[in-house]
PDB file of N, CA and C in Angstrom:
ATOM      1  N   MET A   1     -12.165 101.455 173.405  1.00  0.00           N
ATOM      2  CA  MET A   1     -12.964 101.110 172.245  1.00  0.00           C
ATOM      3  C   MET A   1     -14.106 102.118 172.134  1.00  0.00           C
ATOM      4  N   GLN A   2     -14.319 102.588 170.928  1.00  0.00           N
ATOM      5  CA  GLN A   2     -15.395 103.544 170.693  1.00  0.00           C
ATOM      6  C   GLN A   2     -16.608 102.826 170.107  1.00  0.00           C
ATOM      7  N   ILE A   3     -17.772 103.417 170.334  1.00  0.00           N
ATOM      8  CA  ILE A   3     -19.023 102.862 169.815  1.00  0.00           C
ATOM      9  C   ILE A   3     -19.722 103.943 169.018  1.00  0.00           C
ATOM     10  N   ALA A   4     -20.166 103.589 167.819  1.00  0.00           N
ATOM     11  CA  ALA A   4     -20.928 104.500 166.965  1.00  0.00           C
ATOM     12  C   ALA A   4     -22.296 103.876 166.710  1.00  0.00           C
ATOM     13  N   ARG A   5     -23.339 104.653 166.942  1.00  0.00           N
ATOM     14  CA  ARG A   5     -24.699 104.177 166.683  1.00  0.00           C
ATOM     15  C   ARG A   5     -25.374 104.959 165.557  1.00  0.00           C
ATOM     16  N   THR A   6     -24.787 106.095 165.188  1.00  0.00           N
ATOM     17  CA  THR A   6     -25.359 106.907 164.111  1.00  0.00           C
ATOM     18  C   THR A   6     -24.336 107.044 162.985  1.00  0.00           C
ATOM     19  N   LEU A   7     -24.827 107.382 161.805  1.00  0.00           N
ATOM     20  CA  LEU A   7     -23.909 107.582 160.672  1.00  0.00           C
ATOM     21  C   LEU A   7     -22.928 108.727 160.915  1.00  0.00           C
ATOM     22  N   PRO A   8     -23.361 109.862 161.464  1.00  0.00           N
ATOM     23  CA  PRO A   8     -22.377 110.910 161.742  1.00  0.00           C
ATOM     24  C   PRO A   8     -21.272 110.460 162.708  1.00  0.00           C
ATOM     25  N   GLU A   9     -21.646 109.696 163.741  1.00  0.00           N
ATOM     26  CA  GLU A   9     -20.633 109.170 164.665  1.00  0.00           C
ATOM     27  C   GLU A   9     -19.671 108.233 163.948  1.00  0.00           C
ATOM     28  N   LEU A  10     -20.223 107.352 163.115  1.00  0.00           N
ATOM     29  CA  LEU A  10     -19.383 106.401 162.375  1.00  0.00           C
ATOM     30  C   LEU A  10     -18.428 107.136 161.447  1.00  0.00           C
ATOM     31  N   ARG A  11     -18.945 108.076 160.673  1.00  0.00           N
ATOM     32  CA  ARG A  11     -18.102 108.812 159.727  1.00  0.00           C
ATOM     33  C   ARG A  11     -16.987 109.573 160.438  1.00  0.00           C
ATOM     34  N   ALA A  12     -17.334 110.259 161.514  1.00  0.00           N
ATOM     35  CA  ALA A  12     -16.341 111.056 162.234  1.00  0.00           C
ATOM     36  C   ALA A  12     -15.263 110.169 162.846  1.00  0.00           C
ATOM     37  N   THR A  13     -15.663 109.088 163.467  1.00  0.00           N
ATOM     38  CA  THR A  13     -14.686 108.219 164.118  1.00  0.00           C
ATOM     39  C   THR A  13     -13.806 107.515 163.095  1.00  0.00           C
ATOM     40  N   CYS A  14     -14.399 107.050 162.004  1.00  0.00           N
ATOM     41  CA  CYS A  14     -13.600 106.414 160.950  1.00  0.00           C
ATOM     42  C   CYS A  14     -12.614 107.408 160.342  1.00  0.00           C
ATOM     43  N   ALA A  15     -13.056 108.631 160.123  1.00  0.00           N
ATOM     44  CA  ALA A  15     -12.161 109.653 159.558  1.00  0.00           C
ATOM     45  C   ALA A  15     -10.993 109.908 160.501  1.00  0.00           C
ATOM     46  N   SER A  16     -11.270 109.981 161.778  1.00  0.00           N
ATOM     47  CA  SER A  16     -10.213 110.203 162.759  1.00  0.00           C
ATOM     48  C   SER A  16      -9.237 109.031 162.792  1.00  0.00           C
ATOM     49  N   LEU A  17      -9.756 107.824 162.803  1.00  0.00           N
ATOM     50  CA  LEU A  17      -8.889 106.638 162.816  1.00  0.00           C
ATOM     51  C   LEU A  17      -8.041 106.559 161.555  1.00  0.00           C
ATOM     52  N   ARG A  18      -8.651 106.846 160.402  1.00  0.00           N
ATOM     53  CA  ARG A  18      -7.887 106.831 159.142  1.00  0.00           C
ATOM     54  C   ARG A  18      -6.783 107.886 159.154  1.00  0.00           C
ATOM     55  N   ALA A  19      -7.107 109.072 159.657  1.00  0.00           N
ATOM     56  CA  ALA A  19      -6.114 110.148 159.708  1.00  0.00           C
ATOM     57  C   ALA A  19      -4.927 109.758 160.586  1.00  0.00           C
ATOM     58  N   GLN A  20      -5.200 109.041 161.656  1.00  0.00           N
ATOM     59  CA  GLN A  20      -4.143 108.639 162.579  1.00  0.00           C
ATOM     60  C   GLN A  20      -3.355 107.430 162.088  1.00  0.00           C
ATOM     61  N   HIS A  21      -4.025 106.518 161.383  1.00  0.00           N
ATOM     62  CA  HIS A  21      -3.403 105.225 161.069  1.00  0.00           C
ATOM     63  C   HIS A  21      -3.310 104.913 159.579  1.00  0.00           C
ATOM     64  N   GLY A  22      -3.964 105.687 158.742  1.00  0.00           N
ATOM     65  CA  GLY A  22      -3.867 105.468 157.308  1.00  0.00           C
ATOM     66  C   GLY A  22      -4.851 104.481 156.724  1.00  0.00           C
ATOM     67  N   GLY A  23      -5.535 103.719 157.511  1.00  0.00           N
ATOM     68  CA  GLY A  23      -6.493 102.752 156.985  1.00  0.00           C
ATOM     69  C   GLY A  23      -7.261 102.095 158.111  1.00  0.00           C
ATOM     70  N   LEU A  24      -8.184 101.234 157.743  1.00  0.00           N
ATOM     71  CA  LEU A  24      -9.021 100.515 158.699  1.00  0.00           C
ATOM     72  C   LEU A  24      -9.178  99.071 158.242  1.00  0.00           C
ATOM     73  N   THR A  25      -9.514  98.209 159.150  1.00  0.00           N
ATOM     74  CA  THR A  25      -9.970  96.861 158.812  1.00  0.00           C
ATOM     75  C   THR A  25     -11.424  96.764 159.261  1.00  0.00           C
ATOM     76  N   PHE A  26     -12.189  95.846 158.673  1.00  0.00           N
ATOM     77  CA  PHE A  26     -13.610  95.766 158.988  1.00  0.00           C
ATOM     78  C   PHE A  26     -14.029  94.314 159.151  1.00  0.00           C
ATOM     79  N   VAL A  27     -14.753  94.043 160.238  1.00  0.00           N
ATOM     80  CA  VAL A  27     -15.281  92.711 160.520  1.00  0.00           C
ATOM     81  C   VAL A  27     -16.787  92.850 160.733  1.00  0.00           C
ATOM     82  N   PRO A  28     -17.593  92.519 159.717  1.00  0.00           N
ATOM     83  CA  PRO A  28     -19.045  92.606 159.880  1.00  0.00           C
ATOM     84  C   PRO A  28     -19.586  91.388 160.628  1.00  0.00           C
ATOM     85  N   THR A  29     -20.501  91.626 161.566  1.00  0.00           N
ATOM     86  CA  THR A  29     -21.123  90.519 162.295  1.00  0.00           C
ATOM     87  C   THR A  29     -22.600  90.826 162.518  1.00  0.00           C
ATOM     88  N   MET A  30     -23.308  89.795 162.965  1.00  0.00           N
ATOM     89  CA  MET A  30     -24.684  89.973 163.432  1.00  0.00           C
ATOM     90  C   MET A  30     -24.722  89.755 164.945  1.00  0.00           C
ATOM     91  N   GLY A  31     -23.584  89.926 165.587  1.00  0.00           N
ATOM     92  CA  GLY A  31     -23.535  89.702 167.019  1.00  0.00           C
ATOM     93  C   GLY A  31     -23.470  88.220 167.317  1.00  0.00           C
ATOM     94  N   ALA A  32     -23.818  87.847 168.541  1.00  0.00           N
ATOM     95  CA  ALA A  32     -23.706  86.451 168.990  1.00  0.00           C
ATOM     96  C   ALA A  32     -22.301  85.940 168.668  1.00  0.00           C
ATOM     97  N   LEU A  33     -21.310  86.732 169.076  1.00  0.00           N
ATOM     98  CA  LEU A  33     -19.929  86.464 168.681  1.00  0.00           C
ATOM     99  C   LEU A  33     -19.433  85.122 169.197  1.00  0.00           C
ATOM    100  N   HIS A  34     -18.642  84.479 168.360  1.00  0.00           N
ATOM    101  CA  HIS A  34     -18.037  83.191 168.698  1.00  0.00           C
ATOM    102  C   HIS A  34     -16.549  83.266 168.360  1.00  0.00           C
ATOM    103  N   GLU A  35     -15.846  82.174 168.536  1.00  0.00           N
ATOM    104  CA  GLU A  35     -14.395  82.166 168.341  1.00  0.00           C
ATOM    105  C   GLU A  35     -13.998  82.580 166.930  1.00  0.00           C
ATOM    106  N   GLY A  36     -14.792  82.250 165.933  1.00  0.00           N
ATOM    107  CA  GLY A  36     -14.491  82.665 164.561  1.00  0.00           C
ATOM    108  C   GLY A  36     -14.474  84.182 164.422  1.00  0.00           C
ATOM    109  N   HIS A  37     -15.457  84.842 165.023  1.00  0.00           N
ATOM    110  CA  HIS A  37     -15.480  86.308 165.010  1.00  0.00           C
ATOM    111  C   HIS A  37     -14.252  86.869 165.720  1.00  0.00           C
ATOM    112  N   ARG A  38     -13.961  86.306 166.891  1.00  0.00           N
ATOM    113  CA  ARG A  38     -12.820  86.806 167.665  1.00  0.00           C
ATOM    114  C   ARG A  38     -11.514  86.611 166.892  1.00  0.00           C
ATOM    115  N   THR A  39     -11.393  85.513 166.177  1.00  0.00           N
ATOM    116  CA  THR A  39     -10.192  85.272 165.363  1.00  0.00           C
ATOM    117  C   THR A  39     -10.079  86.324 164.257  1.00  0.00           C
ATOM    118  N   LEU A  40     -11.197  86.658 163.622  1.00  0.00           N
ATOM    119  CA  LEU A  40     -11.171  87.694 162.586  1.00  0.00           C
ATOM    120  C   LEU A  40     -10.747  89.046 163.156  1.00  0.00           C
ATOM    121  N   VAL A  41     -11.239  89.377 164.335  1.00  0.00           N
ATOM    122  CA  VAL A  41     -10.860  90.652 164.963  1.00  0.00           C
ATOM    123  C   VAL A  41      -9.377  90.628 165.329  1.00  0.00           C
ATOM    124  N   ARG A  42      -8.902  89.522 165.885  1.00  0.00           N
ATOM    125  CA  ARG A  42      -7.468  89.421 166.204  1.00  0.00           C
ATOM    126  C   ARG A  42      -6.615  89.596 164.959  1.00  0.00           C
ATOM    127  N   SER A  43      -7.017  88.996 163.852  1.00  0.00           N
ATOM    128  CA  SER A  43      -6.283  89.141 162.591  1.00  0.00           C
ATOM    129  C   SER A  43      -6.312  90.581 162.104  1.00  0.00           C
ATOM    130  N   ALA A  44      -7.465  91.222 162.242  1.00  0.00           N
ATOM    131  CA  ALA A  44      -7.591  92.622 161.835  1.00  0.00           C
ATOM    132  C   ALA A  44      -6.650  93.494 162.661  1.00  0.00           C
ATOM    133  N   VAL A  45      -6.642  93.293 163.962  1.00  0.00           N
ATOM    134  CA  VAL A  45      -5.773  94.068 164.847  1.00  0.00           C
ATOM    135  C   VAL A  45      -4.305  93.802 164.501  1.00  0.00           C
ATOM    136  N   ALA A  46      -3.975  92.550 164.231  1.00  0.00           N
ATOM    137  CA  ALA A  46      -2.588  92.190 163.911  1.00  0.00           C
ATOM    138  C   ALA A  46      -2.109  92.836 162.613  1.00  0.00           C
ATOM    139  N   SER A  47      -3.030  93.238 161.754  1.00  0.00           N
ATOM    140  CA  SER A  47      -2.643  93.879 160.492  1.00  0.00           C
ATOM    141  C   SER A  47      -2.012  95.251 160.727  1.00  0.00           C
ATOM    142  N   GLY A  48      -2.249  95.810 161.901  1.00  0.00           N
ATOM    143  CA  GLY A  48      -1.701  97.123 162.215  1.00  0.00           C
ATOM    144  C   GLY A  48      -2.681  98.260 161.997  1.00  0.00           C
ATOM    145  N   ALA A  49      -3.755  98.013 161.273  1.00  0.00           N
ATOM    146  CA  ALA A  49      -4.792  99.032 161.063  1.00  0.00           C
ATOM    147  C   ALA A  49      -5.860  98.856 162.146  1.00  0.00           C
ATOM    148  N   PRO A  50      -6.504  99.936 162.543  1.00  0.00           N
ATOM    149  CA  PRO A  50      -7.560  99.809 163.552  1.00  0.00           C
ATOM    150  C   PRO A  50      -8.667  98.863 163.074  1.00  0.00           C
ATOM    151  N   ALA A  51      -9.136  98.033 163.996  1.00  0.00           N
ATOM    152  CA  ALA A  51     -10.220  97.103 163.686  1.00  0.00           C
ATOM    153  C   ALA A  51     -11.564  97.758 163.980  1.00  0.00           C
ATOM    154  N   VAL A  52     -12.438  97.711 162.999  1.00  0.00           N
ATOM    155  CA  VAL A  52     -13.812  98.186 163.134  1.00  0.00           C
ATOM    156  C   VAL A  52     -14.709  96.970 162.957  1.00  0.00           C
ATOM    157  N   ALA A  53     -15.613  96.749 163.889  1.00  0.00           N
ATOM    158  CA  ALA A  53     -16.562  95.647 163.776  1.00  0.00           C
ATOM    159  C   ALA A  53     -17.967  96.231 163.768  1.00  0.00           C
ATOM    160  N   SER A  54     -18.851  95.539 163.080  1.00  0.00           N
ATOM    161  CA  SER A  54     -20.256  95.931 163.134  1.00  0.00           C
ATOM    162  C   SER A  54     -21.048  94.838 163.820  1.00  0.00           C
ATOM    163  N   ILE A  55     -22.097  95.254 164.490  1.00  0.00           N
ATOM    164  CA  ILE A  55     -23.074  94.323 165.041  1.00  0.00           C
ATOM    165  C   ILE A  55     -24.432  94.813 164.555  1.00  0.00           C
ATOM    166  N   PHE A  56     -24.989  94.063 163.618  1.00  0.00           N
ATOM    167  CA  PHE A  56     -26.302  94.419 163.078  1.00  0.00           C
ATOM    168  C   PHE A  56     -27.041  93.145 162.718  1.00  0.00           C
ATOM    169  N   VAL A  57     -28.131  92.883 163.419  1.00  0.00           N
ATOM    170  CA  VAL A  57     -28.971  91.736 163.104  1.00  0.00           C
ATOM    171  C   VAL A  57     -29.896  92.184 161.986  1.00  0.00           C
ATOM    172  N   ASN A  58     -29.573  91.737 160.784  1.00  0.00           N
ATOM    173  CA  ASN A  58     -30.256  92.203 159.581  1.00  0.00           C
ATOM    174  C   ASN A  58     -31.564  91.428 159.376  1.00  0.00           C
ATOM    175  N   PRO A  59     -32.699  92.096 159.514  1.00  0.00           N
ATOM    176  CA  PRO A  59     -33.973  91.389 159.364  1.00  0.00           C
ATOM    177  C   PRO A  59     -34.178  90.818 157.967  1.00  0.00           C
ATOM    178  N   LEU A  60     -33.509  91.381 156.969  1.00  0.00           N
ATOM    179  CA  LEU A  60     -33.671  90.865 155.602  1.00  0.00           C
ATOM    180  C   LEU A  60     -32.971  89.537 155.392  1.00  0.00           C
ATOM    181  N   GLN A  61     -32.158  89.110 156.335  1.00  0.00           N
ATOM    182  CA  GLN A  61     -31.473  87.827 156.216  1.00  0.00           C
ATOM    183  C   GLN A  61     -32.294  86.678 156.785  1.00  0.00           C
ATOM    184  N   PHE A  62     -33.495  86.967 157.246  1.00  0.00           N
ATOM    185  CA  PHE A  62     -34.346  85.946 157.831  1.00  0.00           C
ATOM    186  C   PHE A  62     -35.533  85.686 156.915  1.00  0.00           C
ATOM    187  N   ALA A  63     -35.794  84.419 156.652  1.00  0.00           N
ATOM    188  CA  ALA A  63     -36.952  84.038 155.848  1.00  0.00           C
ATOM    189  C   ALA A  63     -38.215  84.173 156.692  1.00  0.00           C
ATOM    190  N   ALA A  64     -39.341  84.147 156.028  1.00  0.00           N
ATOM    191  CA  ALA A  64     -40.624  84.297 156.729  1.00  0.00           C
ATOM    192  C   ALA A  64     -40.821  83.206 157.782  1.00  0.00           C
ATOM    193  N   THR A  65     -40.233  82.039 157.562  1.00  0.00           N
ATOM    194  CA  THR A  65     -40.398  80.921 158.507  1.00  0.00           C
ATOM    195  C   THR A  65     -39.386  80.971 159.650  1.00  0.00           C
ATOM    196  N   GLU A  66     -38.433  81.883 159.597  1.00  0.00           N
ATOM    197  CA  GLU A  66     -37.429  82.000 160.653  1.00  0.00           C
ATOM    198  C   GLU A  66     -37.856  83.070 161.651  1.00  0.00           C
ATOM    199  N   ASP A  67     -37.440  82.915 162.888  1.00  0.00           N
ATOM    200  CA  ASP A  67     -37.875  83.824 163.938  1.00  0.00           C
ATOM    201  C   ASP A  67     -36.773  84.818 164.286  1.00  0.00           C
ATOM    202  N   LEU A  68     -36.853  85.999 163.692  1.00  0.00           N
ATOM    203  CA  LEU A  68     -35.888  87.063 163.947  1.00  0.00           C
ATOM    204  C   LEU A  68     -35.811  87.383 165.434  1.00  0.00           C
ATOM    205  N   SER A  69     -36.936  87.372 166.117  1.00  0.00           N
ATOM    206  CA  SER A  69     -36.956  87.745 167.532  1.00  0.00           C
ATOM    207  C   SER A  69     -36.203  86.737 168.411  1.00  0.00           C
ATOM    208  N   ARG A  70     -35.976  85.537 167.911  1.00  0.00           N
ATOM    209  CA  ARG A  70     -35.266  84.521 168.693  1.00  0.00           C
ATOM    210  C   ARG A  70     -33.771  84.510 168.420  1.00  0.00           C
ATOM    211  N   TYR A  71     -33.297  85.351 167.493  1.00  0.00           N
ATOM    212  CA  TYR A  71     -31.861  85.394 167.230  1.00  0.00           C
ATOM    213  C   TYR A  71     -31.157  85.860 168.504  1.00  0.00           C
ATOM    214  N   PRO A  72     -30.090  85.178 168.917  1.00  0.00           N
ATOM    215  CA  PRO A  72     -29.440  85.548 170.182  1.00  0.00           C
ATOM    216  C   PRO A  72     -28.810  86.937 170.129  1.00  0.00           C
ATOM    217  N   ARG A  73     -29.045  87.699 171.161  1.00  0.00           N
ATOM    218  CA  ARG A  73     -28.481  89.054 171.271  1.00  0.00           C
ATOM    219  C   ARG A  73     -27.883  89.216 172.661  1.00  0.00           C
ATOM    220  N   ASP A  74     -26.633  89.657 172.690  1.00  0.00           N
ATOM    221  CA  ASP A  74     -25.939  89.918 173.950  1.00  0.00           C
ATOM    222  C   ASP A  74     -24.981  91.084 173.708  1.00  0.00           C
ATOM    223  N   GLU A  75     -25.562  92.285 173.608  1.00  0.00           N
ATOM    224  CA  GLU A  75     -24.747  93.450 173.268  1.00  0.00           C
ATOM    225  C   GLU A  75     -23.586  93.637 174.241  1.00  0.00           C
ATOM    226  N   ALA A  76     -23.848  93.564 175.529  1.00  0.00           N
ATOM    227  CA  ALA A  76     -22.789  93.773 176.520  1.00  0.00           C
ATOM    228  C   ALA A  76     -21.688  92.716 176.375  1.00  0.00           C
ATOM    229  N   GLY A  77     -22.088  91.470 176.197  1.00  0.00           N
ATOM    230  CA  GLY A  77     -21.104  90.394 176.026  1.00  0.00           C
ATOM    231  C   GLY A  77     -20.310  90.542 174.740  1.00  0.00           C
ATOM    232  N   ASP A  78     -20.993  90.903 173.658  1.00  0.00           N
ATOM    233  CA  ASP A  78     -20.304  91.106 172.379  1.00  0.00           C
ATOM    234  C   ASP A  78     -19.318  92.265 172.470  1.00  0.00           C
ATOM    235  N   LEU A  79     -19.734  93.364 173.096  1.00  0.00           N
ATOM    236  CA  LEU A  79     -18.844  94.516 173.237  1.00  0.00           C
ATOM    237  C   LEU A  79     -17.628  94.164 174.092  1.00  0.00           C
ATOM    238  N   ALA A  80     -17.843  93.411 175.158  1.00  0.00           N
ATOM    239  CA  ALA A  80     -16.729  92.998 176.012  1.00  0.00           C
ATOM    240  C   ALA A  80     -15.749  92.123 175.231  1.00  0.00           C
ATOM    241  N   ALA A  81     -16.269  91.205 174.417  1.00  0.00           N
ATOM    242  CA  ALA A  81     -15.401  90.334 173.616  1.00  0.00           C
ATOM    243  C   ALA A  81     -14.607  91.140 172.592  1.00  0.00           C
ATOM    244  N   LEU A  82     -15.257  92.083 171.926  1.00  0.00           N
ATOM    245  CA  LEU A  82     -14.561  92.904 170.937  1.00  0.00           C
ATOM    246  C   LEU A  82     -13.485  93.762 171.594  1.00  0.00           C
ATOM    247  N   GLU A  83     -13.807  94.336 172.739  1.00  0.00           N
ATOM    248  CA  GLU A  83     -12.819  95.154 173.440  1.00  0.00           C
ATOM    249  C   GLU A  83     -11.627  94.305 173.872  1.00  0.00           C
ATOM    250  N   ALA A  84     -11.893  93.104 174.363  1.00  0.00           N
ATOM    251  CA  ALA A  84     -10.819  92.209 174.802  1.00  0.00           C
ATOM    252  C   ALA A  84      -9.875  91.839 173.660  1.00  0.00           C
ATOM    253  N   GLU A  85     -10.396  91.813 172.434  1.00  0.00           N
ATOM    254  CA  GLU A  85      -9.570  91.463 171.270  1.00  0.00           C
ATOM    255  C   GLU A  85      -8.864  92.672 170.674  1.00  0.00           C
ATOM    256  N   GLY A  86      -9.131  93.864 171.196  1.00  0.00           N
ATOM    257  CA  GLY A  86      -8.436  95.057 170.715  1.00  0.00           C
ATOM    258  C   GLY A  86      -9.158  95.833 169.637  1.00  0.00           C
ATOM    259  N   CYS A  87     -10.451  95.577 169.468  1.00  0.00           N
ATOM    260  CA  CYS A  87     -11.238  96.307 168.476  1.00  0.00           C
ATOM    261  C   CYS A  87     -11.240  97.805 168.821  1.00  0.00           C
ATOM    262  N   SER A  88     -11.104  98.644 167.810  1.00  0.00           N
ATOM    263  CA  SER A  88     -11.056 100.093 168.029  1.00  0.00           C
ATOM    264  C   SER A  88     -12.421 100.757 168.002  1.00  0.00           C
ATOM    265  N   LEU A  89     -13.312 100.238 167.161  1.00  0.00           N
ATOM    266  CA  LEU A  89     -14.613 100.868 166.953  1.00  0.00           C
ATOM    267  C   LEU A  89     -15.644  99.801 166.658  1.00  0.00           C
ATOM    268  N   VAL A  90     -16.822  99.961 167.254  1.00  0.00           N
ATOM    269  CA  VAL A  90     -17.953  99.076 166.955  1.00  0.00           C
ATOM    270  C   VAL A  90     -19.086  99.924 166.407  1.00  0.00           C
ATOM    271  N   TRP A  91     -19.611  99.503 165.270  1.00  0.00           N
ATOM    272  CA  TRP A  91     -20.738 100.149 164.593  1.00  0.00           C
ATOM    273  C   TRP A  91     -21.982  99.365 164.979  1.00  0.00           C
ATOM    274  N   LEU A  92     -22.894 100.032 165.703  1.00  0.00           N
ATOM    275  CA  LEU A  92     -24.123  99.412 166.199  1.00  0.00           C
ATOM    276  C   LEU A  92     -25.350 100.160 165.679  1.00  0.00           C
ATOM    277  N   PRO A  93     -25.638 100.055 164.397  1.00  0.00           N
ATOM    278  CA  PRO A  93     -26.790 100.784 163.866  1.00  0.00           C
ATOM    279  C   PRO A  93     -28.102 100.086 164.212  1.00  0.00           C
ATOM    280  N   ASP A  94     -29.181 100.844 164.166  1.00  0.00           N
ATOM    281  CA  ASP A  94     -30.493 100.230 164.295  1.00  0.00           C
ATOM    282  C   ASP A  94     -31.067 100.035 162.884  1.00  0.00           C
ATOM    283  N   VAL A  95     -32.202  99.387 162.800  1.00  0.00           N
ATOM    284  CA  VAL A  95     -32.804  99.080 161.499  1.00  0.00           C
ATOM    285  C   VAL A  95     -33.131 100.359 160.732  1.00  0.00           C
ATOM    286  N   ALA A  96     -33.618 101.380 161.423  1.00  0.00           N
ATOM    287  CA  ALA A  96     -33.977 102.635 160.746  1.00  0.00           C
ATOM    288  C   ALA A  96     -32.750 103.312 160.130  1.00  0.00           C
ATOM    289  N   THR A  97     -31.595 103.156 160.747  1.00  0.00           N
ATOM    290  CA  THR A  97     -30.372 103.727 160.184  1.00  0.00           C
ATOM    291  C   THR A  97     -29.945 102.964 158.938  1.00  0.00           C
ATOM    292  N   MET A  98     -30.042 101.654 158.996  1.00  0.00           N
ATOM    293  CA  MET A  98     -29.624 100.834 157.858  1.00  0.00           C
ATOM    294  C   MET A  98     -30.619 100.863 156.699  1.00  0.00           C
ATOM    295  N   TYR A  99     -31.889 100.994 157.024  1.00  0.00           N
ATOM    296  CA  TYR A  99     -32.944 101.019 156.010  1.00  0.00           C
ATOM    297  C   TYR A  99     -33.841 102.231 156.243  1.00  0.00           C
ATOM    298  N   PRO A 100     -33.331 103.423 155.951  1.00  0.00           N
ATOM    299  CA  PRO A 100     -34.136 104.630 156.200  1.00  0.00           C
ATOM    300  C   PRO A 100     -35.375 104.654 155.324  1.00  0.00           C
ATOM    301  N   ALA A 101     -36.432 105.210 155.871  1.00  0.00           N
ATOM    302  CA  ALA A 101     -37.661 105.371 155.094  1.00  0.00           C
ATOM    303  C   ALA A 101     -37.388 106.328 153.948  1.00  0.00           C
ATOM    304  N   ARG A 102     -37.815 105.951 152.804  1.00  0.00           N
ATOM    305  CA  ARG A 102     -37.619 106.788 151.617  1.00  0.00           C
ATOM    306  C   ARG A 102     -38.947 107.449 151.249  1.00  0.00           C
ATOM    307  N   GLU A 103     -38.831 108.682 150.810  1.00  0.00           N
ATOM    308  CA  GLU A 103     -40.021 109.371 150.362  1.00  0.00           C
ATOM    309  C   GLU A 103     -40.507 108.709 149.077  1.00  0.00           C
ATOM    310  N   ALA A 104     -41.786 108.485 148.981  1.00  0.00           N
ATOM    311  CA  ALA A 104     -42.360 107.853 147.789  1.00  0.00           C
ATOM    312  C   ALA A 104     -42.123 108.751 146.566  1.00  0.00           C
ATOM    313  N   PRO A 105     -41.791 108.153 145.434  1.00  0.00           N
ATOM    314  CA  PRO A 105     -41.587 108.988 144.235  1.00  0.00           C
ATOM    315  C   PRO A 105     -42.878 109.685 143.836  1.00  0.00           C
ATOM    316  N   ARG A 106     -42.722 110.848 143.307  1.00  0.00           N
ATOM    317  CA  ARG A 106     -43.886 111.627 142.854  1.00  0.00           C
ATOM    318  C   ARG A 106     -43.852 111.741 141.342  1.00  0.00           C
ATOM    319  N   PHE A 107     -44.968 111.450 140.762  1.00  0.00           N
ATOM    320  CA  PHE A 107     -45.067 111.528 139.317  1.00  0.00           C
ATOM    321  C   PHE A 107     -45.924 112.729 138.940  1.00  0.00           C
ATOM    322  N   PRO A 108     -45.532 113.404 137.855  1.00  0.00           N
ATOM    323  CA  PRO A 108     -46.327 114.578 137.450  1.00  0.00           C
ATOM    324  C   PRO A 108     -47.754 114.209 137.077  1.00  0.00           C
TER     325      PRO A 108
END
Protein backbone atom coordinates (compact mmCIF):
# COMPACT_ATOMS: atom_id res chain seq x y z
CA MET A 1 0.00 0.00 0.00
CA GLN A 2 1.31 3.42 -0.92
CA ILE A 3 0.85 6.62 1.06
CA ALA A 4 0.66 10.11 -0.43
CA ARG A 5 0.87 13.20 1.76
CA THR A 6 1.48 15.82 -0.93
CA LEU A 7 -0.38 16.69 -4.12
CA PRO A 8 2.57 15.75 -6.35
CA GLU A 9 2.76 12.33 -4.66
CA LEU A 10 -0.99 11.84 -5.05
CA ARG A 11 -1.00 12.86 -8.72
CA ALA A 12 1.98 10.68 -9.62
CA THR A 13 0.69 7.61 -7.82
CA CYS A 14 -2.84 7.97 -9.19
CA ALA A 15 -1.46 8.41 -12.72
CA SER A 16 0.62 5.27 -12.33
CA LEU A 17 -2.30 3.25 -10.96
CA ARG A 18 -4.60 4.48 -13.75
CA ALA A 19 -2.01 3.61 -16.39
CA GLN A 20 -1.71 0.09 -15.00
CA HIS A 21 -5.39 -0.57 -14.28
CA GLY A 22 -7.46 1.89 -16.30
CA GLY A 23 -9.30 3.46 -13.38
CA LEU A 24 -9.52 3.98 -9.64
CA THR A 25 -12.09 3.73 -6.88
CA PHE A 26 -12.21 6.27 -4.05
CA VAL A 27 -13.32 5.99 -0.42
CA PRO A 28 -13.16 9.32 1.44
CA THR A 29 -12.91 9.14 5.23
CA MET A 30 -12.03 11.24 8.25
CA GLY A 31 -10.20 8.32 9.79
CA ALA A 32 -11.44 6.55 12.93
CA LEU A 33 -12.26 3.69 10.57
CA HIS A 34 -15.07 1.31 11.42
CA GLU A 35 -16.69 -1.68 9.73
CA GLY A 36 -18.64 0.56 7.34
CA HIS A 37 -15.40 2.06 6.02
CA ARG A 38 -13.82 -1.37 5.72
CA THR A 39 -16.87 -2.64 3.80
CA LEU A 40 -16.57 0.27 1.35
CA VAL A 41 -12.88 -0.49 0.79
CA ARG A 42 -13.63 -4.19 0.27
CA SER A 43 -16.28 -3.27 -2.30
CA ALA A 44 -13.86 -0.91 -4.03
CA VAL A 45 -11.19 -3.61 -4.20
CA ALA A 46 -13.75 -6.15 -5.46
CA SER A 47 -14.57 -3.82 -8.37
CA GLY A 48 -11.17 -4.66 -9.84
CA ALA A 49 -9.90 -1.07 -9.84
CA PRO A 50 -7.30 0.01 -7.29
CA ALA A 51 -8.84 1.37 -4.10
CA VAL A 52 -7.75 4.82 -2.99
CA ALA A 53 -8.83 6.02 0.45
CA SER A 54 -8.39 9.40 2.03
CA ILE A 55 -7.97 10.22 5.68
CA PHE A 56 -8.57 13.89 6.36
CA VAL A 57 -10.16 15.31 9.48
CA ASN A 58 -11.77 18.36 7.94
CA PRO A 59 -11.90 21.25 10.43
CA LEU A 60 -14.69 22.89 8.42
CA GLN A 61 -17.01 20.01 9.29
CA PHE A 62 -16.96 20.95 12.97
CA ALA A 63 -19.21 23.61 14.45
CA ALA A 64 -17.85 26.15 16.91
CA THR A 65 -19.37 24.13 19.78
CA GLU A 66 -17.72 20.88 18.66
CA ASP A 67 -14.20 19.94 19.72
CA LEU A 68 -12.05 19.19 16.68
CA SER A 69 -9.13 18.29 18.94
CA ARG A 70 -11.16 15.47 20.52
CA TYR A 71 -11.97 13.76 17.22
CA PRO A 72 -10.43 10.27 17.43
CA ARG A 73 -7.23 9.82 15.44
CA ASP A 74 -5.33 6.57 15.00
CA GLU A 75 -3.25 6.90 11.85
CA ALA A 76 -1.31 3.66 12.39
CA GLY A 77 -4.49 1.70 13.13
CA ASP A 78 -6.34 3.21 10.17
CA LEU A 79 -3.45 2.46 7.82
CA ALA A 80 -3.24 -1.12 9.08
CA ALA A 81 -6.99 -1.59 8.52
CA LEU A 82 -6.83 -0.15 5.00
CA GLU A 83 -3.84 -2.31 4.10
CA ALA A 84 -5.59 -5.41 5.46
CA GLU A 85 -8.57 -4.70 3.17
CA GLY A 86 -6.35 -4.38 0.09
CA CYS A 87 -6.31 -0.60 -0.32
CA SER A 88 -3.72 0.48 -2.90
CA LEU A 89 -3.19 4.11 -1.93
CA VAL A 90 -4.00 6.32 1.04
CA TRP A 91 -4.18 10.10 0.66
CA LEU A 92 -3.17 11.76 3.95
CA PRO A 93 -3.12 15.51 3.35
CA ASP A 94 -2.66 18.10 6.04
CA VAL A 95 -4.88 21.16 6.45
CA ALA A 96 -2.43 23.43 4.61
CA THR A 97 -2.55 21.13 1.57
CA MET A 98 -6.34 21.03 1.52
CA TYR A 99 -6.78 24.73 2.26
CA PRO A 100 -3.70 26.52 0.93
CA ALA A 101 -3.22 30.14 1.89
CA ARG A 102 -4.30 32.34 -0.95
CA GLU A 103 -2.70 35.62 -1.81
CA ALA A 104 -5.06 38.48 -1.04
CA PRO A 105 -6.53 40.07 -4.18
CA ARG A 106 -4.98 43.35 -5.20
CA PHE A 107 -7.05 46.17 -6.48
CA PRO A 108 -5.66 48.98 -8.61
